[in-house]
Amino acid sequence: MDVTHSHSHGAQGGPVPLGLPDPARPGAVERRGLGPLARLAPDPVKVVLNWGRRYSLWCFNFGLACCAIEFIAASMAKHDFIRMGVIPFAPGPRQADLMIVSGTVTDKMAPAVKRLYEQMPEPKYVISFGACSNSGGPYWDSYSVTKGVDQIIPVDVYVPGCPPRPEALLQGILKLQEKIAEESLPARYAAPAAALRRPLVAGPQGGPAAGSSHEGGVS
């Protein structure tokens, strides 16, 4: 459950770096940057910053299938992950620190997942919740299913199960918080921007298609 995904992937058909489009250079993206406080603060202050990030994770739930029901259960009164410093149902990706992808990611949905991930402010984290978002689950051999959300965005923690119980999500959150407490943001952003393992589907005008698949040619 506590496998941490690398932020640098191999690519097939040319890498597509994550980040925001750079208007000055068509086809390029901006490098993710750090503010002066994160770069220049002394180590004790950085410890306090990590403590604050660890216990104030605004969560953006990307619920795609049955695992999303388990996420809702984890946020309700019995398990109540708010007591762990996770605030569910952020107004949108621009107000979120943590994306939890729960359910089957299809090739049609993949561009939307990537687009919303890019709208989240740095530093941002991803939990892949359930077998389908980890690797495609029981639908891994379908022509229309993405073989894991880590094909399109970097993942910090994987939670196995089909579907996982709410307690498994709580354990995944604890593992992520342990990672945040120990991380160095300058080291995190010194690495090159993550790239997709395969290119997104090109639409009729050359942009990501809203309704096309990688292999089946179905729209």
C-alpha atoms as a PDB file:
ATOM      1  CA  MET A   1       0.000   0.000   0.000  1.00  0.00           C
ATOM      2  CA  ASP A   2       2.880   2.339   0.724  1.00  0.00           C
ATOM      3  CA  VAL A   3       4.594   1.999  -2.656  1.00  0.00           C
ATOM      4  CA  THR A   4       5.722   5.439  -3.718  1.00  0.00           C
ATOM      5  CA  HIS A   5       5.638   6.129  -7.426  1.00  0.00           C
ATOM      6  CA  SER A   6       8.503   7.822  -9.191  1.00  0.00           C
ATOM      7  CA  HIS A   7       7.843  11.280 -10.601  1.00  0.00           C
ATOM      8  CA  SER A   8       9.760  10.491 -13.760  1.00  0.00           C
ATOM      9  CA  HIS A   9       8.397   7.964 -16.224  1.00  0.00           C
ATOM     10  CA  GLY A  10       9.546   6.414 -19.423  1.00  0.00           C
ATOM     11  CA  ALA A  11       7.605   7.222 -22.576  1.00  0.00           C
ATOM     12  CA  GLN A  12       6.357   5.492 -25.671  1.00  0.00           C
ATOM     13  CA  GLY A  13       5.802   7.605 -28.723  1.00  0.00           C
ATOM     14  CA  GLY A  14       7.529  10.606 -27.134  1.00  0.00           C
ATOM     15  CA  PRO A  15       7.094  12.019 -23.639  1.00  0.00           C
ATOM     16  CA  VAL A  16       4.385  14.517 -22.846  1.00  0.00           C
ATOM     17  CA  PRO A  17       5.677  16.495 -19.839  1.00  0.00           C
ATOM     18  CA  LEU A  18       3.250  17.440 -17.107  1.00  0.00           C
ATOM     19  CA  GLY A  19       2.831  21.090 -16.277  1.00  0.00           C
ATOM     20  CA  LEU A  20       1.084  24.194 -17.503  1.00  0.00           C
ATOM     21  CA  PRO A  21       1.378  25.276 -21.174  1.00  0.00           C
ATOM     22  CA  ASP A  22       4.011  27.938 -21.669  1.00  0.00           C
ATOM     23  CA  PRO A  23       2.465  30.665 -23.898  1.00  0.00           C
ATOM     24  CA  ALA A  24       5.911  31.926 -24.880  1.00  0.00           C
ATOM     25  CA  ARG A  25       6.908  28.547 -26.325  1.00  0.00           C
ATOM     26  CA  PRO A  26       4.122  26.698 -28.148  1.00  0.00           C
ATOM     27  CA  GLY A  27       4.192  22.999 -27.356  1.00  0.00           C
ATOM     28  CA  ALA A  28       6.311  23.486 -24.226  1.00  0.00           C
ATOM     29  CA  VAL A  29       5.325  23.595 -20.577  1.00  0.00           C
ATOM     30  CA  GLU A  30       6.428  25.691 -17.635  1.00  0.00           C
ATOM     31  CA  ARG A  31       8.755  24.097 -15.109  1.00  0.00           C
ATOM     32  CA  ARG A  32       7.092  23.721 -11.756  1.00  0.00           C
ATOM     33  CA  GLY A  33       8.585  26.249  -9.372  1.00  0.00           C
ATOM     34  CA  LEU A  34       8.858  26.889  -5.663  1.00  0.00           C
ATOM     35  CA  GLY A  35       8.131  30.100  -3.827  1.00  0.00           C
ATOM     36  CA  PRO A  36      10.918  31.910  -1.954  1.00  0.00           C
ATOM     37  CA  LEU A  37       9.732  30.647   1.449  1.00  0.00           C
ATOM     38  CA  ALA A  38      10.028  26.992   0.423  1.00  0.00           C
ATOM     39  CA  ARG A  39      13.440  27.610  -1.178  1.00  0.00           C
ATOM     40  CA  LEU A  40      15.123  29.921   1.327  1.00  0.00           C
ATOM     41  CA  ALA A  41      13.559  29.054   4.686  1.00  0.00           C
ATOM     42  CA  PRO A  42      15.847  27.413   7.289  1.00  0.00           C
ATOM     43  CA  ASP A  43      15.296  23.733   8.004  1.00  0.00           C
ATOM     44  CA  PRO A  44      13.222  24.214  11.205  1.00  0.00           C
ATOM     45  CA  VAL A  45      10.789  26.385   9.263  1.00  0.00           C
ATOM     46  CA  LYS A  46      10.582  23.764   6.522  1.00  0.00           C
ATOM     47  CA  VAL A  47       9.658  21.194   9.170  1.00  0.00           C
ATOM     48  CA  VAL A  48       6.779  23.437  10.229  1.00  0.00           C
ATOM     49  CA  LEU A  49       5.717  23.885   6.591  1.00  0.00           C
ATOM     50  CA  ASN A  50       5.671  20.115   6.073  1.00  0.00           C
ATOM     51  CA  TRP A  51       3.685  19.705   9.295  1.00  0.00           C
ATOM     52  CA  GLY A  52       1.101  22.168   8.004  1.00  0.00           C
ATOM     53  CA  ARG A  53       0.815  20.422   4.629  1.00  0.00           C
ATOM     54  CA  ARG A  54       0.569  17.047   6.327  1.00  0.00           C
ATOM     55  CA  TYR A  55      -2.473  17.948   8.392  1.00  0.00           C
ATOM     56  CA  SER A  56      -4.350  20.253   6.023  1.00  0.00           C
ATOM     57  CA  LEU A  57      -4.896  18.178   2.885  1.00  0.00           C
ATOM     58  CA  TRP A  58      -7.840  19.480   0.898  1.00  0.00           C
ATOM     59  CA  CYS A  59      -9.038  16.444  -1.019  1.00  0.00           C
ATOM     60  CA  PHE A  60     -10.371  16.423  -4.571  1.00  0.00           C
ATOM     61  CA  ASN A  61     -12.180  13.126  -5.088  1.00  0.00           C
ATOM     62  CA  PHE A  62     -12.066  11.875  -8.666  1.00  0.00           C
ATOM     63  CA  GLY A  63     -14.673   9.147  -8.217  1.00  0.00           C
ATOM     64  CA  LEU A  64     -15.141   7.057 -11.348  1.00  0.00           C
ATOM     65  CA  ALA A  65     -16.709   3.793 -10.162  1.00  0.00           C
ATOM     66  CA  CYS A  66     -17.592   1.687  -7.112  1.00  0.00           C
ATOM     67  CA  CYS A  67     -14.436   2.609  -5.150  1.00  0.00           C
ATOM     68  CA  ALA A  68     -15.855   6.122  -4.860  1.00  0.00           C
ATOM     69  CA  ILE A  69     -18.549   4.715  -2.543  1.00  0.00           C
ATOM     70  CA  GLU A  70     -15.814   3.465  -0.201  1.00  0.00           C
ATOM     71  CA  PHE A  71     -14.233   6.926  -0.297  1.00  0.00           C
ATOM     72  CA  ILE A  72     -17.561   8.427   0.786  1.00  0.00           C
ATOM     73  CA  ALA A  73     -17.793   5.878   3.593  1.00  0.00           C
ATOM     74  CA  ALA A  74     -14.304   6.848   4.773  1.00  0.00           C
ATOM     75  CA  SER A  75     -15.358  10.497   4.945  1.00  0.00           C
ATOM     76  CA  MET A  76     -18.530   9.845   6.939  1.00  0.00           C
ATOM     77  CA  ALA A  77     -18.997   9.739  10.729  1.00  0.00           C
ATOM     78  CA  LYS A  78     -17.820   6.176  11.437  1.00  0.00           C
ATOM     79  CA  HIS A  79     -14.324   6.513   9.934  1.00  0.00           C
ATOM     80  CA  ASP A  80     -14.174  10.318   9.726  1.00  0.00           C
ATOM     81  CA  PHE A  81     -10.875  11.048   8.029  1.00  0.00           C
ATOM     82  CA  ILE A  82     -11.345  14.749   8.817  1.00  0.00           C
ATOM     83  CA  ARG A  83      -9.881  13.917  12.262  1.00  0.00           C
ATOM     84  CA  MET A  84      -6.654  13.027  10.417  1.00  0.00           C
ATOM     85  CA  GLY A  85      -6.423  16.448   8.792  1.00  0.00           C
ATOM     86  CA  VAL A  86      -8.018  15.564   5.440  1.00  0.00           C
ATOM     87  CA  ILE A  87     -10.806  17.883   4.329  1.00  0.00           C
ATOM     88  CA  PRO A  88     -13.019  16.152   1.739  1.00  0.00           C
ATOM     89  CA  PHE A  89     -14.835  17.640  -1.234  1.00  0.00           C
ATOM     90  CA  ALA A  90     -12.685  20.644  -2.094  1.00  0.00           C
ATOM     91  CA  PRO A  91     -14.611  23.158  -4.216  1.00  0.00           C
ATOM     92  CA  GLY A  92     -12.432  22.275  -7.200  1.00  0.00           C
ATOM     93  CA  PRO A  93      -8.920  21.254  -8.254  1.00  0.00           C
ATOM     94  CA  ARG A  94      -7.529  24.770  -7.807  1.00  0.00           C
ATOM     95  CA  GLN A  95      -8.285  24.567  -4.076  1.00  0.00           C
ATOM     96  CA  ALA A  96      -7.049  20.982  -3.605  1.00  0.00           C
ATOM     97  CA  ASP A  97      -3.770  19.478  -2.374  1.00  0.00           C
ATOM     98  CA  LEU A  98      -4.662  15.816  -2.780  1.00  0.00           C
ATOM     99  CA  MET A  99      -6.382  13.989  -5.631  1.00  0.00           C
ATOM    100  CA  ILE A 100      -7.839  10.565  -4.837  1.00  0.00           C
ATOM    101  CA  VAL A 101      -8.595   8.644  -8.031  1.00  0.00           C
ATOM    102  CA  SER A 102     -11.115   5.923  -7.216  1.00  0.00           C
ATOM    103  CA  GLY A 103     -12.489   3.741  -9.983  1.00  0.00           C
ATOM    104  CA  THR A 104     -11.854   2.670 -13.554  1.00  0.00           C
ATOM    105  CA  VAL A 105      -9.940   5.203 -15.647  1.00  0.00           C
ATOM    106  CA  THR A 106     -10.931   4.914 -19.301  1.00  0.00           C
ATOM    107  CA  ASP A 107      -9.039   6.315 -22.256  1.00  0.00           C
ATOM    108  CA  LYS A 108     -11.867   8.788 -22.823  1.00  0.00           C
ATOM    109  CA  MET A 109     -11.579  10.052 -19.245  1.00  0.00           C
ATOM    110  CA  ALA A 110      -7.764  10.166 -19.182  1.00  0.00           C
ATOM    111  CA  PRO A 111      -7.394  13.677 -20.699  1.00  0.00           C
ATOM    112  CA  ALA A 112      -9.831  15.067 -18.102  1.00  0.00           C
ATOM    113  CA  VAL A 113      -7.917  13.446 -15.231  1.00  0.00           C
ATOM    114  CA  LYS A 114      -4.650  14.934 -16.476  1.00  0.00           C
ATOM    115  CA  ARG A 115      -6.186  18.362 -17.099  1.00  0.00           C
ATOM    116  CA  LEU A 116      -7.644  18.571 -13.581  1.00  0.00           C
ATOM    117  CA  TYR A 117      -4.388  17.346 -12.045  1.00  0.00           C
ATOM    118  CA  GLU A 118      -2.530  20.164 -13.797  1.00  0.00           C
ATOM    119  CA  GLN A 119      -4.956  22.711 -12.335  1.00  0.00           C
ATOM    120  CA  MET A 120      -4.018  21.732  -8.763  1.00  0.00           C
ATOM    121  CA  PRO A 121      -1.479  24.043  -7.072  1.00  0.00           C
ATOM    122  CA  GLU A 122       1.931  22.790  -6.011  1.00  0.00           C
ATOM    123  CA  PRO A 123       2.808  20.844  -3.973  1.00  0.00           C
ATOM    124  CA  LYS A 124       0.150  18.286  -4.878  1.00  0.00           C
ATOM    125  CA  TYR A 125      -0.286  14.590  -4.191  1.00  0.00           C
ATOM    126  CA  VAL A 126      -2.177  11.653  -5.694  1.00  0.00           C
ATOM    127  CA  ILE A 127      -3.571   8.497  -4.090  1.00  0.00           C
ATOM    128  CA  SER A 128      -4.606   5.711  -6.451  1.00  0.00           C
ATOM    129  CA  PHE A 129      -7.492   3.994  -4.665  1.00  0.00           C
ATOM    130  CA  GLY A 130      -8.427   0.481  -5.757  1.00  0.00           C
ATOM    131  CA  ALA A 131      -7.330  -2.099  -8.307  1.00  0.00           C
ATOM    132  CA  CYS A 132      -8.921  -0.326 -11.270  1.00  0.00           C
ATOM    133  CA  SER A 133      -7.061   2.946 -10.791  1.00  0.00           C
ATOM    134  CA  ASN A 134      -3.880   1.038  -9.854  1.00  0.00           C
ATOM    135  CA  SER A 135      -3.689  -1.207 -12.923  1.00  0.00           C
ATOM    136  CA  GLY A 136      -7.043  -1.446 -14.697  1.00  0.00           C
ATOM    137  CA  GLY A 137      -8.402  -4.092 -12.302  1.00  0.00           C
ATOM    138  CA  PRO A 138     -10.708  -6.728 -13.773  1.00  0.00           C
ATOM    139  CA  TYR A 139     -11.033  -4.581 -16.913  1.00  0.00           C
ATOM    140  CA  TRP A 140      -7.310  -4.285 -17.617  1.00  0.00           C
ATOM    141  CA  ASP A 141      -7.580  -6.095 -20.977  1.00  0.00           C
ATOM    142  CA  SER A 142     -10.370  -3.888 -22.324  1.00  0.00           C
ATOM    143  CA  TYR A 143      -9.481  -1.769 -25.346  1.00  0.00           C
ATOM    144  CA  SER A 144     -11.007   1.304 -23.672  1.00  0.00           C
ATOM    145  CA  VAL A 145      -9.416   1.090 -20.195  1.00  0.00           C
ATOM    146  CA  THR A 146      -6.225   2.888 -19.172  1.00  0.00           C
ATOM    147  CA  LYS A 147      -3.880   0.422 -17.469  1.00  0.00           C
ATOM    148  CA  GLY A 148      -3.543   2.462 -14.290  1.00  0.00           C
ATOM    149  CA  VAL A 149      -3.806   6.168 -13.566  1.00  0.00           C
ATOM    150  CA  ASP A 150      -0.009   6.324 -13.267  1.00  0.00           C
ATOM    151  CA  GLN A 151       0.041   6.117 -17.055  1.00  0.00           C
ATOM    152  CA  ILE A 152      -1.060   9.757 -17.132  1.00  0.00           C
ATOM    153  CA  ILE A 153      -0.184  11.384 -13.777  1.00  0.00           C
ATOM    154  CA  PRO A 154       2.399  10.624 -11.053  1.00  0.00           C
ATOM    155  CA  VAL A 155       1.060   8.635  -8.086  1.00  0.00           C
ATOM    156  CA  ASP A 156       2.358   8.929  -4.514  1.00  0.00           C
ATOM    157  CA  VAL A 157       0.488   6.097  -2.759  1.00  0.00           C
ATOM    158  CA  TYR A 158      -1.327   3.011  -4.089  1.00  0.00           C
ATOM    159  CA  VAL A 159      -4.179   1.463  -2.096  1.00  0.00           C
ATOM    160  CA  PRO A 160      -4.942  -2.106  -3.279  1.00  0.00           C
ATOM    161  CA  GLY A 161      -8.328  -3.836  -3.181  1.00  0.00           C
ATOM    162  CA  CYS A 162     -11.459  -4.381  -5.237  1.00  0.00           C
ATOM    163  CA  PRO A 163     -12.892  -2.359  -3.683  1.00  0.00           C
ATOM    164  CA  PRO A 164     -10.670  -1.472  -0.718  1.00  0.00           C
ATOM    165  CA  ARG A 165     -12.345  -0.966   2.639  1.00  0.00           C
ATOM    166  CA  PRO A 166     -12.438   2.540   4.126  1.00  0.00           C
ATOM    167  CA  GLU A 167      -9.773   1.464   6.626  1.00  0.00           C
ATOM    168  CA  ALA A 168      -7.401   0.850   3.709  1.00  0.00           C
ATOM    169  CA  LEU A 169      -7.857   4.437   2.543  1.00  0.00           C
ATOM    170  CA  LEU A 170      -7.125   5.666   6.066  1.00  0.00           C
ATOM    171  CA  GLN A 171      -3.872   3.670   6.023  1.00  0.00           C
ATOM    172  CA  GLY A 172      -3.003   5.128   2.623  1.00  0.00           C
ATOM    173  CA  ILE A 173      -3.553   8.643   3.976  1.00  0.00           C
ATOM    174  CA  LEU A 174      -1.258   7.893   6.924  1.00  0.00           C
ATOM    175  CA  LYS A 175       1.444   6.662   4.540  1.00  0.00           C
ATOM    176  CA  LEU A 176       1.110   9.837   2.461  1.00  0.00           C
ATOM    177  CA  GLN A 177       1.374  11.985   5.576  1.00  0.00           C
ATOM    178  CA  GLU A 178       4.545  10.157   6.583  1.00  0.00           C
ATOM    179  CA  LYS A 179       5.974  10.890   3.149  1.00  0.00           C
ATOM    180  CA  ILE A 180       5.038  14.587   3.361  1.00  0.00           C
ATOM    181  CA  ALA A 181       6.651  14.898   6.792  1.00  0.00           C
ATOM    182  CA  GLU A 182       9.975  13.605   5.433  1.00  0.00           C
ATOM    183  CA  GLU A 183      10.052  15.207   1.997  1.00  0.00           C
ATOM    184  CA  SER A 184      12.282  18.003   0.768  1.00  0.00           C
ATOM    185  CA  LEU A 185      10.461  20.221  -1.700  1.00  0.00           C
ATOM    186  CA  PRO A 186      13.664  21.487  -3.398  1.00  0.00           C
ATOM    187  CA  ALA A 187      14.662  17.852  -4.007  1.00  0.00           C
ATOM    188  CA  ARG A 188      11.134  17.018  -5.195  1.00  0.00           C
ATOM    189  CA  TYR A 189      11.188  19.741  -7.842  1.00  0.00           C
ATOM    190  CA  ALA A 190      14.812  19.322  -8.847  1.00  0.00           C
ATOM    191  CA  ALA A 191      13.755  16.230 -10.791  1.00  0.00           C
ATOM    192  CA  PRO A 192      12.542  16.731 -14.376  1.00  0.00           C
ATOM    193  CA  ALA A 193       8.811  17.087 -14.892  1.00  0.00           C
ATOM    194  CA  ALA A 194       6.953  13.801 -15.103  1.00  0.00           C
ATOM    195  CA  ALA A 195       5.974  12.531 -18.536  1.00  0.00           C
ATOM    196  CA  LEU A 196       3.173  10.349 -19.792  1.00  0.00           C
ATOM    197  CA  ARG A 197       4.011   6.774 -20.683  1.00  0.00           C
ATOM    198  CA  ARG A 198       2.066   7.127 -23.890  1.00  0.00           C
ATOM    199  CA  PRO A 199       0.675  10.148 -25.760  1.00  0.00           C
ATOM    200  CA  LEU A 200      -2.883  11.260 -25.201  1.00  0.00           C
ATOM    201  CA  VAL A 201      -5.378  10.634 -27.981  1.00  0.00           C
ATOM    202  CA  ALA A 202      -5.345  13.408 -30.559  1.00  0.00           C
ATOM    203  CA  GLY A 203      -8.759  14.810 -31.483  1.00  0.00           C
ATOM    204  CA  PRO A 204      -9.871  15.938 -34.939  1.00  0.00           C
ATOM    205  CA  GLN A 205      -8.217  19.354 -34.436  1.00  0.00           C
ATOM    206  CA  GLY A 206      -5.104  17.910 -32.858  1.00  0.00           C
ATOM    207  CA  GLY A 207      -6.174  18.403 -29.230  1.00  0.00           C
ATOM    208  CA  PRO A 208      -7.124  15.710 -26.697  1.00  0.00           C
ATOM    209  CA  ALA A 209     -10.201  13.925 -27.903  1.00  0.00           C
ATOM    210  CA  ALA A 210     -13.344  14.111 -25.826  1.00  0.00           C
ATOM    211  CA  GLY A 211     -14.698  10.916 -27.276  1.00  0.00           C
ATOM    212  CA  SER A 212     -12.123   8.619 -28.838  1.00  0.00           C
ATOM    213  CA  SER A 213     -10.174   5.558 -27.705  1.00  0.00           C
ATOM    214  CA  HIS A 214      -6.576   4.489 -28.184  1.00  0.00           C
ATOM    215  CA  GLU A 215      -7.015   1.172 -29.871  1.00  0.00           C
ATOM    216  CA  GLY A 216     -10.580   0.598 -30.852  1.00  0.00           C
ATOM    217  CA  GLY A 217     -11.068   3.632 -33.057  1.00  0.00           C
ATOM    218  CA  VAL A 218     -14.455   4.151 -31.474  1.00  0.00           C
ATOM    219  CA  SER A 219     -15.806   7.627 -30.813  1.00  0.00           C
END
